[in-house]
Protein backbone atom coordinates (compact mmCIF):
# COMPACT_ATOMS: atom_id res chain seq x y z
CA MET A 1 72.68 -75.01 8.18
CA LEU A 2 73.32 -77.12 11.29
CA LYS A 3 77.04 -77.63 11.99
CA VAL A 4 77.98 -81.07 13.36
CA TRP A 5 81.29 -82.22 14.84
CA LEU A 6 82.05 -85.95 14.70
CA GLN A 7 84.18 -88.02 17.07
CA VAL A 8 84.29 -91.58 15.74
CA PRO A 9 87.27 -93.96 15.81
CA LEU A 10 87.41 -95.13 12.17
CA ARG A 11 88.26 -92.68 9.39
CA THR A 12 86.16 -94.53 6.79
CA TYR A 13 83.17 -94.53 9.16
CA GLN A 14 83.63 -90.81 9.76
CA GLU A 15 83.78 -90.13 6.02
CA ALA A 16 80.56 -92.10 5.47
CA LEU A 17 78.81 -90.19 8.26
CA GLU A 18 80.05 -86.86 6.87
CA ALA A 19 78.68 -87.76 3.43
CA GLN A 20 75.30 -88.67 4.96
CA LEU A 21 75.21 -85.42 6.97
CA ARG A 22 75.86 -83.41 3.81
CA ALA A 23 73.09 -85.33 2.02
CA TRP A 24 70.71 -84.19 4.79
CA GLY A 25 71.83 -80.58 4.42
CA LEU A 26 73.95 -80.60 7.59
CA GLU A 27 77.53 -79.34 7.67
CA PRO A 28 80.32 -81.47 9.21
CA VAL A 29 83.01 -79.35 10.90
CA SER A 30 86.51 -80.26 12.03
CA HIS A 31 86.50 -78.76 15.54
CA PRO A 32 83.88 -79.01 18.31
CA LEU A 33 83.94 -75.27 19.00
CA GLN A 34 82.82 -74.64 15.40
CA ALA A 35 79.80 -76.92 15.86
CA GLN A 36 76.28 -76.49 17.18
CA VAL A 37 76.01 -80.18 18.04
CA GLY A 38 78.37 -83.14 18.39
CA LEU A 39 78.12 -86.80 17.49
CA VAL A 40 80.34 -89.17 19.49
CA GLU A 41 80.67 -92.94 19.30
CA ALA A 42 81.05 -94.84 22.57
CA GLY A 43 83.15 -97.94 22.97
CA ARG A 44 83.25 -99.92 26.17
CA GLU A 45 83.77 -96.71 28.11
CA ILE A 46 81.69 -93.58 27.64
CA PRO A 47 84.04 -90.68 26.89
CA ALA A 48 83.60 -87.27 28.44
CA PRO A 49 81.28 -85.21 26.25
CA PRO A 50 82.69 -82.48 24.02
CA PRO A 51 82.04 -78.82 24.86
CA VAL A 52 78.91 -78.70 22.67
CA PRO A 53 75.55 -80.45 23.21
CA SER A 54 76.12 -83.96 21.88
CA VAL A 55 74.48 -87.22 20.87
CA LEU A 56 76.23 -90.45 21.81
CA LEU A 57 76.13 -93.56 19.63
CA LEU A 58 75.83 -96.48 22.06
CA ARG A 59 76.42 -100.17 21.56
CA ASP A 60 75.08 -101.22 24.94
CA LYS A 61 71.62 -100.17 26.14
CA GLU A 62 72.84 -100.39 29.73
CA GLN A 63 74.97 -97.27 29.10
CA ALA A 64 72.01 -94.96 28.39
CA VAL A 65 71.55 -93.51 31.89
CA GLN A 66 75.31 -93.21 32.36
CA ALA A 67 75.54 -91.23 29.09
CA LEU A 68 72.96 -88.73 30.32
CA ARG A 69 74.68 -88.49 33.71
CA LYS A 70 77.98 -87.69 32.01
CA GLY A 71 76.37 -84.76 30.22
CA TYR A 72 75.29 -86.06 26.81
CA ARG A 73 72.02 -84.56 25.62
CA GLY A 74 70.97 -87.65 23.69
CA TYR A 75 71.91 -91.12 22.58
CA LEU A 76 71.08 -93.64 19.87
CA TYR A 77 71.47 -97.37 19.32
CA PRO A 78 72.64 -98.84 15.98
CA GLU A 79 69.27 -100.45 15.27
CA GLN A 80 67.54 -97.04 15.35
CA GLY A 81 68.93 -96.20 11.91
CA LEU A 82 70.01 -93.09 10.07
CA ALA A 83 66.60 -91.38 10.04
CA ALA A 84 66.63 -91.24 13.84
CA LEU A 85 70.17 -89.84 13.76
CA ALA A 86 69.15 -86.75 11.82
CA LYS A 87 66.17 -86.15 14.11
CA ALA A 88 68.31 -86.62 17.24
CA LEU A 89 70.98 -84.17 16.07
CA GLU A 90 68.42 -81.52 15.20
CA ALA A 91 66.53 -81.99 18.50
CA VAL A 92 69.70 -81.72 20.59
CA ALA A 93 70.79 -78.64 18.64
CA ARG A 94 67.43 -77.05 19.58
CA GLY A 95 68.17 -77.70 23.26
CA GLU A 96 66.03 -80.82 23.61
CA VAL A 97 66.99 -84.19 25.08
CA TRP A 98 66.87 -87.27 22.84
CA ALA A 99 66.40 -90.23 25.16
CA GLU A 100 64.01 -92.96 26.16
CA ARG A 101 61.54 -92.11 28.88
CA LYS A 102 62.89 -94.77 31.22
CA ALA A 103 66.41 -93.27 31.05
CA VAL A 104 65.08 -89.78 31.74
CA ALA A 105 62.91 -91.12 34.56
CA ALA A 106 66.01 -92.58 36.21
CA LEU A 107 67.46 -89.06 36.37
CA VAL A 108 64.38 -87.11 37.46
CA GLY A 109 64.54 -85.51 40.86
CA GLU A 110 67.65 -84.69 42.78
CA PRO A 111 70.92 -84.92 40.81
CA PHE A 112 72.67 -88.21 41.45
CA PRO A 113 70.31 -89.41 44.21
CA HIS A 114 72.35 -92.56 44.75
CA LEU A 115 75.22 -90.55 46.30
CA THR A 116 75.26 -89.85 50.01
CA PRO A 117 75.13 -86.19 51.09
CA ARG A 118 78.85 -86.27 51.97
CA GLU A 119 79.74 -87.88 48.62
CA LYS A 120 77.82 -85.10 46.87
CA GLU A 121 79.76 -82.44 48.78
CA VAL A 122 83.11 -84.07 48.00
CA ALA A 123 82.18 -84.57 44.32
CA ALA A 124 81.02 -80.97 43.94
CA LEU A 125 84.25 -79.60 45.43
CA ALA A 126 86.38 -81.94 43.31
CA ALA A 127 84.45 -80.85 40.20
CA LEU A 128 85.31 -77.25 41.08
CA GLY A 129 89.00 -78.18 41.00
CA LEU A 130 89.86 -78.35 44.71
CA SER A 131 92.65 -80.72 45.75
CA ASN A 132 92.05 -83.53 48.22
CA LYS A 133 93.77 -81.48 50.92
CA GLU A 134 91.61 -78.42 50.17
CA ILE A 135 88.45 -80.55 50.23
CA ALA A 136 89.50 -82.08 53.54
CA THR A 137 90.09 -78.64 55.05
CA GLU A 138 86.80 -77.28 53.69
CA LEU A 139 84.75 -80.19 55.06
CA GLY A 140 86.73 -80.81 58.24
CA ILE A 141 87.63 -84.40 57.35
CA SER A 142 90.89 -86.21 56.67
CA VAL A 143 92.54 -86.48 53.26
CA LYS A 144 92.19 -90.25 53.53
CA THR A 145 88.42 -89.87 53.99
CA VAL A 146 88.26 -87.56 50.95
CA LYS A 147 90.05 -90.20 48.88
CA ALA A 148 87.62 -92.86 50.08
CA HIS A 149 84.60 -90.71 49.19
CA LEU A 150 86.02 -89.85 45.76
CA SER A 151 86.72 -93.50 45.06
CA LEU A 152 83.07 -94.34 45.75
CA VAL A 153 81.84 -91.35 43.73
CA PHE A 154 83.95 -92.36 40.73
CA GLN A 155 82.68 -95.92 40.99
CA LYS A 156 79.00 -94.94 41.35
CA LEU A 157 79.07 -92.37 38.54
CA GLY A 158 81.25 -94.41 36.22
CA VAL A 159 83.99 -91.81 35.88
CA LYS A 160 87.75 -92.19 36.10
CA LYS A 161 89.01 -88.61 36.46
CA ARG A 162 88.09 -85.41 38.28
CA SER A 163 87.74 -83.61 34.98
CA GLU A 164 84.83 -85.91 34.11
CA LEU A 165 83.00 -84.68 37.21
CA ALA A 166 83.27 -81.14 35.89
CA TYR A 167 81.80 -82.24 32.55
CA MET A 168 78.81 -83.69 34.38
CA ARG A 169 77.89 -80.18 35.53
CA PHE A 170 77.63 -81.51 39.04
CA LEU A 171 76.10 -79.02 41.45
CA PRO A 172 75.83 -79.53 45.20
């Protein structure tokens, strides 16, 4: 039985989703580490993904590529319905990606190709947990330059914190 963790803002909505999951023979669990797959609802901002492969419920189609960049393994829009939800959860639990071809095509090739080589280096070191001073020393640049690069990286990738870079599984 597939175990699913839910992260949705409204309790009544969560209860309805849990009932539907049970009707499909899936088991809702209370903690992400107990689950094989997660289901998260996005608001205006896309939250960092939980520590299990997850599907994101989107309201805005423009967020699809950003969701995949952040580390989600799939996404759905409200108009796709409940039947697609069950298929998406099962596919992601099997290690597949549930996304439109155009979103996947935007990510094919080098990771985050819209970052400069220096921005990639700074982002990778920040994702590993290095401080601005440590990054500056490692790359032979000033702390002020590190801050400038990180500001651009955060803007381009749509993240707000260093921890979100780590969730993206960013590799240099």
